Amino acid sequence: MAVTLEGLPRAVAVAVVPGGAVGAHALQADLDAAGDALISVRHVSADLGTNDDLTAEFSITGYNEIDNTGGTDTTDDYLVVTYAKAAGA
């Protein structure tokens, strides 16, 4: 799931995806390593007991893919990914 907000200098989008083992995580969004920028990655549990900022652990590694190799295992939880689209995208 992805939602795009407009009206800012760059479009901002949010995607919510299932967490998992450390490494690559696939998004169903329009995230592109060429020009898009991560704003935040939050680790959220279904009961909201976990709500941690993991942005520093993640990078965009490909089209619709972020990676946190060596980071936190988010299995059974969710990632809330906020990103800015490339200028003009």
PDB file of N, CA and C in Angstrom:
ATOM      1  N   MET A   1       0.841  -1.174   0.000  1.00  0.00           N
ATOM      2  CA  MET A   1       0.000   0.000   0.000  1.00  0.00           C
ATOM      3  C   MET A   1       0.882   1.231   0.000  1.00  0.00           C
ATOM      4  N   ALA A   2       0.609   2.163  -0.882  1.00  0.00           N
ATOM      5  CA  ALA A   2       1.356   3.420  -0.915  1.00  0.00           C
ATOM      6  C   ALA A   2       0.384   4.572  -1.124  1.00  0.00           C
ATOM      7  N   VAL A   3       0.657   5.675  -0.464  1.00  0.00           N
ATOM      8  CA  VAL A   3      -0.128   6.892  -0.603  1.00  0.00           C
ATOM      9  C   VAL A   3       0.848   8.008  -0.937  1.00  0.00           C
ATOM     10  N   THR A   4       0.528   8.819  -1.925  1.00  0.00           N
ATOM     11  CA  THR A   4       1.398   9.927  -2.310  1.00  0.00           C
ATOM     12  C   THR A   4       0.726  11.249  -1.966  1.00  0.00           C
ATOM     13  N   LEU A   5       1.473  12.124  -1.298  1.00  0.00           N
ATOM     14  CA  LEU A   5       1.001  13.457  -0.942  1.00  0.00           C
ATOM     15  C   LEU A   5       1.682  14.459  -1.852  1.00  0.00           C
ATOM     16  N   GLU A   6       0.935  15.411  -2.354  1.00  0.00           N
ATOM     17  CA  GLU A   6       1.523  16.406  -3.240  1.00  0.00           C
ATOM     18  C   GLU A   6       1.332  17.797  -2.661  1.00  0.00           C
ATOM     19  N   GLY A   7       1.991  18.793  -3.242  1.00  0.00           N
ATOM     20  CA  GLY A   7       1.903  20.162  -2.771  1.00  0.00           C
ATOM     21  C   GLY A   7       3.198  20.615  -2.130  1.00  0.00           C
ATOM     22  N   LEU A   8       4.079  19.690  -1.805  1.00  0.00           N
ATOM     23  CA  LEU A   8       5.404  20.012  -1.309  1.00  0.00           C
ATOM     24  C   LEU A   8       6.327  20.152  -2.514  1.00  0.00           C
ATOM     25  N   PRO A   9       7.553  20.651  -2.329  1.00  0.00           N
ATOM     26  CA  PRO A   9       8.458  20.766  -3.471  1.00  0.00           C
ATOM     27  C   PRO A   9       8.706  19.426  -4.169  1.00  0.00           C
ATOM     28  N   ARG A  10       8.635  18.333  -3.425  1.00  0.00           N
ATOM     29  CA  ARG A  10       8.751  16.978  -3.979  1.00  0.00           C
ATOM     30  C   ARG A  10       7.583  16.164  -3.437  1.00  0.00           C
ATOM     31  N   ALA A  11       7.041  15.298  -4.246  1.00  0.00           N
ATOM     32  CA  ALA A  11       5.969  14.419  -3.777  1.00  0.00           C
ATOM     33  C   ALA A  11       6.518  13.531  -2.665  1.00  0.00           C
ATOM     34  N   VAL A  12       5.702  13.315  -1.623  1.00  0.00           N
ATOM     35  CA  VAL A  12       6.061  12.459  -0.496  1.00  0.00           C
ATOM     36  C   VAL A  12       5.092  11.296  -0.474  1.00  0.00           C
ATOM     37  N   ALA A  13       5.616  10.088  -0.314  1.00  0.00           N
ATOM     38  CA  ALA A  13       4.777   8.892  -0.309  1.00  0.00           C
ATOM     39  C   ALA A  13       5.046   8.076   0.943  1.00  0.00           C
ATOM     40  N   VAL A  14       4.044   7.283   1.329  1.00  0.00           N
ATOM     41  CA  VAL A  14       4.144   6.402   2.491  1.00  0.00           C
ATOM     42  C   VAL A  14       3.716   5.005   2.060  1.00  0.00           C
ATOM     43  N   ALA A  15       4.495   4.011   2.450  1.00  0.00           N
ATOM     44  CA  ALA A  15       4.152   2.618   2.179  1.00  0.00           C
ATOM     45  C   ALA A  15       4.238   1.839   3.482  1.00  0.00           C
ATOM     46  N   VAL A  16       3.297   0.924   3.697  1.00  0.00           N
ATOM     47  CA  VAL A  16       3.312   0.037   4.864  1.00  0.00           C
ATOM     48  C   VAL A  16       3.514  -1.376   4.335  1.00  0.00           C
ATOM     49  N   VAL A  17       4.551  -2.047   4.855  1.00  0.00           N
ATOM     50  CA  VAL A  17       4.882  -3.392   4.380  1.00  0.00           C
ATOM     51  C   VAL A  17       5.151  -4.298   5.570  1.00  0.00           C
ATOM     52  N   PRO A  18       4.963  -5.590   5.390  1.00  0.00           N
ATOM     53  CA  PRO A  18       5.299  -6.520   6.468  1.00  0.00           C
ATOM     54  C   PRO A  18       6.792  -6.466   6.773  1.00  0.00           C
ATOM     55  N   GLY A  19       7.134  -6.568   8.055  1.00  0.00           N
ATOM     56  CA  GLY A  19       8.532  -6.653   8.450  1.00  0.00           C
ATOM     57  C   GLY A  19       9.080  -8.023   8.096  1.00  0.00           C
ATOM     58  N   GLY A  20      10.297  -8.286   8.512  1.00  0.00           N
ATOM     59  CA  GLY A  20      10.906  -9.577   8.234  1.00  0.00           C
ATOM     60  C   GLY A  20      12.315  -9.637   8.772  1.00  0.00           C
ATOM     61  N   ALA A  21      13.019 -10.679   8.371  1.00  0.00           N
ATOM     62  CA  ALA A  21      14.416 -10.837   8.762  1.00  0.00           C
ATOM     63  C   ALA A  21      15.239  -9.678   8.216  1.00  0.00           C
ATOM     64  N   VAL A  22      16.412  -9.457   8.801  1.00  0.00           N
ATOM     65  CA  VAL A  22      17.272  -8.387   8.291  1.00  0.00           C
ATOM     66  C   VAL A  22      17.622  -8.674   6.843  1.00  0.00           C
ATOM     67  N   GLY A  23      17.809  -7.617   6.078  1.00  0.00           N
ATOM     68  CA  GLY A  23      18.105  -7.743   4.658  1.00  0.00           C
ATOM     69  C   GLY A  23      17.112  -6.967   3.829  1.00  0.00           C
ATOM     70  N   ALA A  24      16.870  -7.459   2.622  1.00  0.00           N
ATOM     71  CA  ALA A  24      16.008  -6.753   1.671  1.00  0.00           C
ATOM     72  C   ALA A  24      14.538  -6.896   2.039  1.00  0.00           C
ATOM     73  N   HIS A  25      13.794  -5.806   1.853  1.00  0.00           N
ATOM     74  CA  HIS A  25      12.347  -5.767   2.062  1.00  0.00           C
ATOM     75  C   HIS A  25      11.717  -5.162   0.812  1.00  0.00           C
ATOM     76  N   ALA A  26      10.745  -5.866   0.246  1.00  0.00           N
ATOM     77  CA  ALA A  26      10.079  -5.403  -0.969  1.00  0.00           C
ATOM     78  C   ALA A  26       8.892  -4.516  -0.625  1.00  0.00           C
ATOM     79  N   LEU A  27       8.732  -3.438  -1.366  1.00  0.00           N
ATOM     80  CA  LEU A  27       7.597  -2.541  -1.218  1.00  0.00           C
ATOM     81  C   LEU A  27       6.719  -2.650  -2.452  1.00  0.00           C
ATOM     82  N   GLN A  28       5.429  -2.453  -2.282  1.00  0.00           N
ATOM     83  CA  GLN A  28       4.538  -2.314  -3.423  1.00  0.00           C
ATOM     84  C   GLN A  28       4.203  -0.837  -3.502  1.00  0.00           C
ATOM     85  N   ALA A  29       5.100  -0.115  -4.124  1.00  0.00           N
ATOM     86  CA  ALA A  29       5.011   1.341  -4.174  1.00  0.00           C
ATOM     87  C   ALA A  29       5.640   1.795  -5.487  1.00  0.00           C
ATOM     88  N   ASP A  30       6.189   2.978  -5.503  1.00  0.00           N
ATOM     89  CA  ASP A  30       6.907   3.496  -6.662  1.00  0.00           C
ATOM     90  C   ASP A  30       8.214   4.101  -6.170  1.00  0.00           C
ATOM     91  N   LEU A  31       8.961   3.311  -5.420  1.00  0.00           N
ATOM     92  CA  LEU A  31      10.223   3.743  -4.835  1.00  0.00           C
ATOM     93  C   LEU A  31      11.357   3.415  -5.790  1.00  0.00           C
ATOM     94  N   ASP A  32      12.157   4.407  -6.139  1.00  0.00           N
ATOM     95  CA  ASP A  32      13.219   4.218  -7.118  1.00  0.00           C
ATOM     96  C   ASP A  32      14.541   4.706  -6.533  1.00  0.00           C
ATOM     97  N   ALA A  33      15.549   3.871  -6.574  1.00  0.00           N
ATOM     98  CA  ALA A  33      16.863   4.233  -6.041  1.00  0.00           C
ATOM     99  C   ALA A  33      17.470   5.435  -6.761  1.00  0.00           C
ATOM    100  N   ALA A  34      17.027   5.691  -7.983  1.00  0.00           N
ATOM    101  CA  ALA A  34      17.566   6.806  -8.761  1.00  0.00           C
ATOM    102  C   ALA A  34      16.804   8.090  -8.438  1.00  0.00           C
ATOM    103  N   GLY A  35      17.185   8.755  -7.364  1.00  0.00           N
ATOM    104  CA  GLY A  35      16.620  10.067  -7.062  1.00  0.00           C
ATOM    105  C   GLY A  35      15.658  10.137  -5.901  1.00  0.00           C
ATOM    106  N   ASP A  36      15.014   9.034  -5.532  1.00  0.00           N
ATOM    107  CA  ASP A  36      14.117   9.061  -4.377  1.00  0.00           C
ATOM    108  C   ASP A  36      14.943   9.044  -3.092  1.00  0.00           C
ATOM    109  N   ALA A  37      14.380   9.565  -2.007  1.00  0.00           N
ATOM    110  CA  ALA A  37      15.111   9.646  -0.745  1.00  0.00           C
ATOM    111  C   ALA A  37      14.236   9.160   0.404  1.00  0.00           C
ATOM    112  N   LEU A  38      14.805   8.331   1.264  1.00  0.00           N
ATOM    113  CA  LEU A  38      14.076   7.899   2.459  1.00  0.00           C
ATOM    114  C   LEU A  38      13.946   9.073   3.415  1.00  0.00           C
ATOM    115  N   ILE A  39      12.774   9.252   3.957  1.00  0.00           N
ATOM    116  CA  ILE A  39      12.550  10.244   5.006  1.00  0.00           C
ATOM    117  C   ILE A  39      12.552   9.538   6.356  1.00  0.00           C
ATOM    118  N   SER A  40      11.833   8.408   6.438  1.00  0.00           N
ATOM    119  CA  SER A  40      11.836   7.641   7.681  1.00  0.00           C
ATOM    120  C   SER A  40      11.398   6.211   7.430  1.00  0.00           C
ATOM    121  N   VAL A  41      11.867   5.329   8.316  1.00  0.00           N
ATOM    122  CA  VAL A  41      11.404   3.950   8.353  1.00  0.00           C
ATOM    123  C   VAL A  41      11.090   3.655   9.810  1.00  0.00           C
ATOM    124  N   ARG A  42       9.815   3.363  10.083  1.00  0.00           N
ATOM    125  CA  ARG A  42       9.365   3.059  11.443  1.00  0.00           C
ATOM    126  C   ARG A  42       9.053   1.579  11.549  1.00  0.00           C
ATOM    127  N   HIS A  43       9.459   0.970  12.653  1.00  0.00           N
ATOM    128  CA  HIS A  43       9.149  -0.427  12.979  1.00  0.00           C
ATOM    129  C   HIS A  43       7.970  -0.382  13.939  1.00  0.00           C
ATOM    130  N   VAL A  44       6.821  -0.917  13.506  1.00  0.00           N
ATOM    131  CA  VAL A  44       5.588  -0.817  14.281  1.00  0.00           C
ATOM    132  C   VAL A  44       4.988  -2.217  14.455  1.00  0.00           C
ATOM    133  N   SER A  45       4.613  -2.540  15.682  1.00  0.00           N
ATOM    134  CA  SER A  45       3.933  -3.818  15.930  1.00  0.00           C
ATOM    135  C   SER A  45       2.426  -3.618  15.797  1.00  0.00           C
ATOM    136  N   ALA A  46       1.708  -4.715  15.588  1.00  0.00           N
ATOM    137  CA  ALA A  46       0.254  -4.644  15.396  1.00  0.00           C
ATOM    138  C   ALA A  46      -0.446  -4.020  16.599  1.00  0.00           C
ATOM    139  N   ASP A  47       0.070  -4.237  17.808  1.00  0.00           N
ATOM    140  CA  ASP A  47      -0.562  -3.672  19.009  1.00  0.00           C
ATOM    141  C   ASP A  47      -0.025  -2.282  19.343  1.00  0.00           C
ATOM    142  N   LEU A  48       0.852  -1.758  18.480  1.00  0.00           N
ATOM    143  CA  LEU A  48       1.494  -0.444  18.622  1.00  0.00           C
ATOM    144  C   LEU A  48       2.409  -0.352  19.835  1.00  0.00           C
ATOM    145  N   GLY A  49       2.706  -1.492  20.468  1.00  0.00           N
ATOM    146  CA  GLY A  49       3.647  -1.508  21.588  1.00  0.00           C
ATOM    147  C   GLY A  49       5.063  -1.187  21.123  1.00  0.00           C
ATOM    148  N   THR A  50       5.351  -1.509  19.869  1.00  0.00           N
ATOM    149  CA  THR A  50       6.639  -1.154  19.258  1.00  0.00           C
ATOM    150  C   THR A  50       6.393  -0.055  18.240  1.00  0.00           C
ATOM    151  N   ASN A  51       7.154   1.011  18.342  1.00  0.00           N
ATOM    152  CA  ASN A  51       7.088   2.115  17.391  1.00  0.00           C
ATOM    153  C   ASN A  51       8.457   2.783  17.389  1.00  0.00           C
ATOM    154  N   ASP A  52       9.397   2.144  16.673  1.00  0.00           N
ATOM    155  CA  ASP A  52      10.797   2.566  16.713  1.00  0.00           C
ATOM    156  C   ASP A  52      11.246   3.142  15.387  1.00  0.00           C
ATOM    157  N   ASP A  53      12.116   4.152  15.456  1.00  0.00           N
ATOM    158  CA  ASP A  53      12.704   4.762  14.272  1.00  0.00           C
ATOM    159  C   ASP A  53      13.933   3.953  13.861  1.00  0.00           C
ATOM    160  N   LEU A  54      13.853   3.289  12.702  1.00  0.00           N
ATOM    161  CA  LEU A  54      14.974   2.502  12.188  1.00  0.00           C
ATOM    162  C   LEU A  54      15.576   3.119  10.925  1.00  0.00           C
ATOM    163  N   THR A  55      15.282   4.382  10.678  1.00  0.00           N
ATOM    164  CA  THR A  55      15.712   5.035   9.440  1.00  0.00           C
ATOM    165  C   THR A  55      17.202   4.861   9.183  1.00  0.00           C
ATOM    166  N   ALA A  56      18.018   5.021  10.209  1.00  0.00           N
ATOM    167  CA  ALA A  56      19.471   4.950  10.030  1.00  0.00           C
ATOM    168  C   ALA A  56      19.940   3.576   9.552  1.00  0.00           C
ATOM    169  N   GLU A  57      19.130   2.539   9.755  1.00  0.00           N
ATOM    170  CA  GLU A  57      19.501   1.179   9.349  1.00  0.00           C
ATOM    171  C   GLU A  57      19.212   0.890   7.884  1.00  0.00           C
ATOM    172  N   PHE A  58      18.376   1.689   7.238  1.00  0.00           N
ATOM    173  CA  PHE A  58      17.869   1.353   5.907  1.00  0.00           C
ATOM    174  C   PHE A  58      18.451   2.226   4.811  1.00  0.00           C
ATOM    175  N   SER A  59      18.508   1.641   3.623  1.00  0.00           N
ATOM    176  CA  SER A  59      18.838   2.386   2.408  1.00  0.00           C
ATOM    177  C   SER A  59      17.983   1.831   1.274  1.00  0.00           C
ATOM    178  N   ILE A  60      17.807   2.647   0.240  1.00  0.00           N
ATOM    179  CA  ILE A  60      17.102   2.200  -0.962  1.00  0.00           C
ATOM    180  C   ILE A  60      18.127   1.460  -1.808  1.00  0.00           C
ATOM    181  N   THR A  61      17.846   0.200  -2.124  1.00  0.00           N
ATOM    182  CA  THR A  61      18.831  -0.605  -2.849  1.00  0.00           C
ATOM    183  C   THR A  61      18.389  -0.973  -4.258  1.00  0.00           C
ATOM    184  N   GLY A  62      17.164  -0.669  -4.605  1.00  0.00           N
ATOM    185  CA  GLY A  62      16.665  -0.973  -5.938  1.00  0.00           C
ATOM    186  C   GLY A  62      15.240  -0.500  -6.072  1.00  0.00           C
ATOM    187  N   TYR A  63      14.655  -0.740  -7.236  1.00  0.00           N
ATOM    188  CA  TYR A  63      13.272  -0.339  -7.433  1.00  0.00           C
ATOM    189  C   TYR A  63      12.375  -1.101  -6.463  1.00  0.00           C
ATOM    190  N   ASN A  64      11.653  -0.361  -5.627  1.00  0.00           N
ATOM    191  CA  ASN A  64      10.742  -0.925  -4.621  1.00  0.00           C
ATOM    192  C   ASN A  64      11.445  -1.846  -3.637  1.00  0.00           C
ATOM    193  N   GLU A  65      12.684  -1.527  -3.298  1.00  0.00           N
ATOM    194  CA  GLU A  65      13.416  -2.351  -2.333  1.00  0.00           C
ATOM    195  C   GLU A  65      14.231  -1.491  -1.387  1.00  0.00           C
ATOM    196  N   ILE A  66      14.095  -1.789  -0.083  1.00  0.00           N
ATOM    197  CA  ILE A  66      14.940  -1.188   0.940  1.00  0.00           C
ATOM    198  C   ILE A  66      15.677  -2.326   1.640  1.00  0.00           C
ATOM    199  N   ASP A  67      16.798  -2.009   2.266  1.00  0.00           N
ATOM    200  CA  ASP A  67      17.618  -3.045   2.893  1.00  0.00           C
ATOM    201  C   ASP A  67      18.179  -2.548   4.211  1.00  0.00           C
ATOM    202  N   ASN A  68      18.196  -3.439   5.206  1.00  0.00           N
ATOM    203  CA  ASN A  68      18.797  -3.127   6.501  1.00  0.00           C
ATOM    204  C   ASN A  68      19.731  -4.239   6.949  1.00  0.00           C
ATOM    205  N   THR A  69      20.538  -4.746   6.034  1.00  0.00           N
ATOM    206  CA  THR A  69      21.490  -5.801   6.379  1.00  0.00           C
ATOM    207  C   THR A  69      22.297  -5.379   7.607  1.00  0.00           C
ATOM    208  N   GLY A  70      22.342  -6.254   8.603  1.00  0.00           N
ATOM    209  CA  GLY A  70      23.054  -5.952   9.845  1.00  0.00           C
ATOM    210  C   GLY A  70      22.217  -5.167  10.834  1.00  0.00           C
ATOM    211  N   GLY A  71      20.939  -4.952  10.523  1.00  0.00           N
ATOM    212  CA  GLY A  71      20.065  -4.142  11.378  1.00  0.00           C
ATOM    213  C   GLY A  71      19.144  -4.970  12.255  1.00  0.00           C
ATOM    214  N   THR A  72      17.939  -4.471  12.435  1.00  0.00           N
ATOM    215  CA  THR A  72      16.961  -5.049  13.352  1.00  0.00           C
ATOM    216  C   THR A  72      16.016  -6.004  12.638  1.00  0.00           C
ATOM    217  N   ASP A  73      15.759  -7.155  13.246  1.00  0.00           N
ATOM    218  CA  ASP A  73      14.768  -8.114  12.740  1.00  0.00           C
ATOM    219  C   ASP A  73      13.378  -7.570  13.072  1.00  0.00           C
ATOM    220  N   THR A  74      12.521  -7.445  12.073  1.00  0.00           N
ATOM    221  CA  THR A  74      11.171  -6.896  12.273  1.00  0.00           C
ATOM    222  C   THR A  74      10.087  -7.935  11.968  1.00  0.00           C
ATOM    223  N   THR A  75      10.461  -9.213  12.037  1.00  0.00           N
ATOM    224  CA  THR A  75       9.532 -10.303  11.755  1.00  0.00           C
ATOM    225  C   THR A  75       8.274 -10.184  12.611  1.00  0.00           C
ATOM    226  N   ASP A  76       7.122 -10.441  12.016  1.00  0.00           N
ATOM    227  CA  ASP A  76       5.802 -10.395  12.652  1.00  0.00           C
ATOM    228  C   ASP A  76       5.313  -8.976  12.931  1.00  0.00           C
ATOM    229  N   ASP A  77       6.046  -7.979  12.488  1.00  0.00           N
ATOM    230  CA  ASP A  77       5.650  -6.589  12.671  1.00  0.00           C
ATOM    231  C   ASP A  77       5.554  -5.908  11.306  1.00  0.00           C
ATOM    232  N   TYR A  78       5.561  -4.587  11.284  1.00  0.00           N
ATOM    233  CA  TYR A  78       5.393  -3.824  10.046  1.00  0.00           C
ATOM    234  C   TYR A  78       6.444  -2.733   9.949  1.00  0.00           C
ATOM    235  N   LEU A  79       6.689  -2.304   8.714  1.00  0.00           N
ATOM    236  CA  LEU A  79       7.539  -1.155   8.442  1.00  0.00           C
ATOM    237  C   LEU A  79       6.684  -0.074   7.792  1.00  0.00           C
ATOM    238  N   VAL A  80       6.764   1.126   8.322  1.00  0.00           N
ATOM    239  CA  VAL A  80       6.086   2.282   7.737  1.00  0.00           C
ATOM    240  C   VAL A  80       7.187   3.127   7.101  1.00  0.00           C
ATOM    241  N   VAL A  81       7.196   3.150   5.774  1.00  0.00           N
ATOM    242  CA  VAL A  81       8.275   3.773   5.011  1.00  0.00           C
ATOM    243  C   VAL A  81       7.767   5.067   4.386  1.00  0.00           C
ATOM    244  N   THR A  82       8.415   6.171   4.729  1.00  0.00           N
ATOM    245  CA  THR A  82       8.076   7.474   4.154  1.00  0.00           C
ATOM    246  C   THR A  82       9.246   7.906   3.287  1.00  0.00           C
ATOM    247  N   TYR A  83       8.938   8.328   2.054  1.00  0.00           N
ATOM    248  CA  TYR A  83      10.016   8.702   1.144  1.00  0.00           C
ATOM    249  C   TYR A  83       9.588   9.860   0.255  1.00  0.00           C
ATOM    250  N   ALA A  84      10.582  10.607  -0.222  1.00  0.00           N
ATOM    251  CA  ALA A  84      10.352  11.714  -1.153  1.00  0.00           C
ATOM    252  C   ALA A  84      10.723  11.260  -2.547  1.00  0.00           C
ATOM    253  N   LYS A  85       9.855  11.528  -3.500  1.00  0.00           N
ATOM    254  CA  LYS A  85      10.119  11.191  -4.898  1.00  0.00           C
ATOM    255  C   LYS A  85      11.179  12.149  -5.459  1.00  0.00           C
ATOM    256  N   ALA A  86      11.864  11.695  -6.484  1.00  0.00           N
ATOM    257  CA  ALA A  86      12.853  12.540  -7.153  1.00  0.00           C
ATOM    258  C   ALA A  86      12.178  13.812  -7.665  1.00  0.00           C
ATOM    259  N   ALA A  87      12.934  14.890  -7.695  1.00  0.00           N
ATOM    260  CA  ALA A  87      12.398  16.150  -8.204  1.00  0.00           C
ATOM    261  C   ALA A  87      11.850  15.932  -9.615  1.00  0.00           C
ATOM    262  N   GLY A  88      10.641  16.396  -9.854  1.00  0.00           N
ATOM    263  CA  GLY A  88      10.032  16.272 -11.150  1.00  0.00           C
ATOM    264  C   GLY A  88       9.353  14.942 -11.408  1.00  0.00           C
ATOM    265  N   ALA A  89       9.430  14.043 -10.430  1.00  0.00           N
ATOM    266  CA  ALA A  89       8.813  12.705 -10.620  1.00  0.00           C
ATOM    267  C   ALA A  89       7.348  12.740 -10.321  1.00  0.00           C
TER     268      ALA A  89
END
